[in-house]
Amino acid sequence: APDGKSVVLSDYFAGYELRLPASTARIDEIWSQKPQAIDIGKRKVGEAIAYSPDGSVLFATSEGKAGSIYRINRKQK
């Protein structure tokens, strides 16, 4: 994420976010957190996911030629 406190991942079917605990600034601690599922809607076969520059939106896509780009508005935390 742009703020350096979370990471978003995608597999073929869903999105997941890991957040850095407030008690640490060590980014490697993020990998010991439980991933939180993100509803990114129905995609044919998930391929990629990314944050917008300000972190308020996620963009996801499916594989294949001319795949759609899905916009997922985020709740501000």
Protein backbone atom coordinates (compact mmCIF):
# COMPACT_ATOMS: atom_id res chain seq x y z
CA ALA A 1 0.00 0.00 0.00
CA PRO A 2 1.13 3.57 -0.49
CA ASP A 3 1.40 4.04 3.29
CA GLY A 4 3.69 1.01 3.65
CA LYS A 5 1.42 -0.58 6.26
CA SER A 6 -0.41 -3.22 4.25
CA VAL A 7 -0.09 -5.49 1.25
CA VAL A 8 -2.82 -6.85 -1.01
CA LEU A 9 -2.58 -10.22 -2.75
CA SER A 10 -4.79 -12.08 -5.18
CA ASP A 11 -5.23 -15.67 -6.17
CA TYR A 12 -7.50 -16.96 -8.91
CA PHE A 13 -10.64 -16.49 -6.84
CA ALA A 14 -10.24 -13.83 -4.14
CA GLY A 15 -8.23 -10.94 -2.75
CA TYR A 16 -6.51 -10.76 0.63
CA GLU A 17 -4.95 -8.00 2.66
CA LEU A 18 -2.31 -8.23 5.38
CA ARG A 19 -1.89 -5.23 7.69
CA LEU A 20 1.18 -4.35 9.69
CA PRO A 21 0.41 -4.38 13.43
CA ALA A 22 0.35 -0.92 15.01
CA SER A 23 2.81 -2.16 17.62
CA THR A 24 5.66 -2.55 15.10
CA ALA A 25 7.27 -0.73 12.21
CA ARG A 26 9.14 -3.82 10.98
CA ILE A 27 7.63 -4.64 7.59
CA ASP A 28 8.67 -8.31 7.84
CA GLU A 29 6.11 -8.69 10.66
CA ILE A 30 3.35 -8.32 8.06
CA TRP A 31 3.87 -11.92 6.86
CA SER A 32 2.93 -13.37 10.26
CA GLN A 33 -0.51 -11.70 10.16
CA LYS A 34 -3.73 -13.47 9.24
CA PRO A 35 -4.88 -12.42 5.75
CA GLN A 36 -8.24 -10.66 5.64
CA ALA A 37 -10.43 -11.62 2.67
CA ILE A 38 -11.48 -8.80 0.35
CA ASP A 39 -14.62 -9.04 -1.76
CA ILE A 40 -13.43 -8.13 -5.23
CA GLY A 41 -16.46 -9.43 -7.06
CA LYS A 42 -16.74 -12.19 -9.60
CA ARG A 43 -13.86 -12.46 -12.04
CA LYS A 44 -13.44 -15.13 -14.66
CA VAL A 45 -9.99 -16.14 -13.36
CA GLY A 46 -8.23 -13.67 -11.09
CA GLU A 47 -4.84 -12.49 -12.24
CA ALA A 48 -3.72 -9.31 -10.49
CA ILE A 49 -4.61 -6.75 -7.84
CA ALA A 50 -3.11 -3.38 -6.87
CA TYR A 51 -3.74 -0.27 -4.77
CA SER A 52 -4.45 3.13 -6.26
CA PRO A 53 -1.77 5.75 -5.51
CA ASP A 54 -3.73 7.06 -2.49
CA GLY A 55 -4.81 3.59 -1.29
CA SER A 56 -8.53 4.36 -1.46
CA VAL A 57 -9.22 2.00 -4.37
CA LEU A 58 -8.12 -1.47 -5.41
CA PHE A 59 -7.91 -2.50 -9.04
CA ALA A 60 -8.19 -6.17 -10.02
CA THR A 61 -8.15 -7.96 -13.33
CA SER A 62 -8.73 -11.38 -14.85
CA GLU A 63 -6.42 -13.23 -17.17
CA GLY A 64 -6.98 -13.35 -20.87
CA LYS A 65 -6.84 -11.02 -23.81
CA ALA A 66 -8.56 -7.67 -23.14
CA GLY A 67 -9.51 -8.65 -19.58
CA SER A 68 -11.73 -6.32 -17.60
CA ILE A 69 -10.37 -4.11 -14.82
CA TYR A 70 -12.47 -4.10 -11.66
CA ARG A 71 -12.52 -1.12 -9.32
CA ILE A 72 -13.07 -1.82 -5.62
CA ASN A 73 -13.68 1.30 -3.53
CA ARG A 74 -12.15 1.03 -0.07
CA LYS A 75 -13.55 2.22 3.23
CA GLN A 76 -11.23 4.76 4.78
CA LYS A 77 -9.63 3.50 8.00
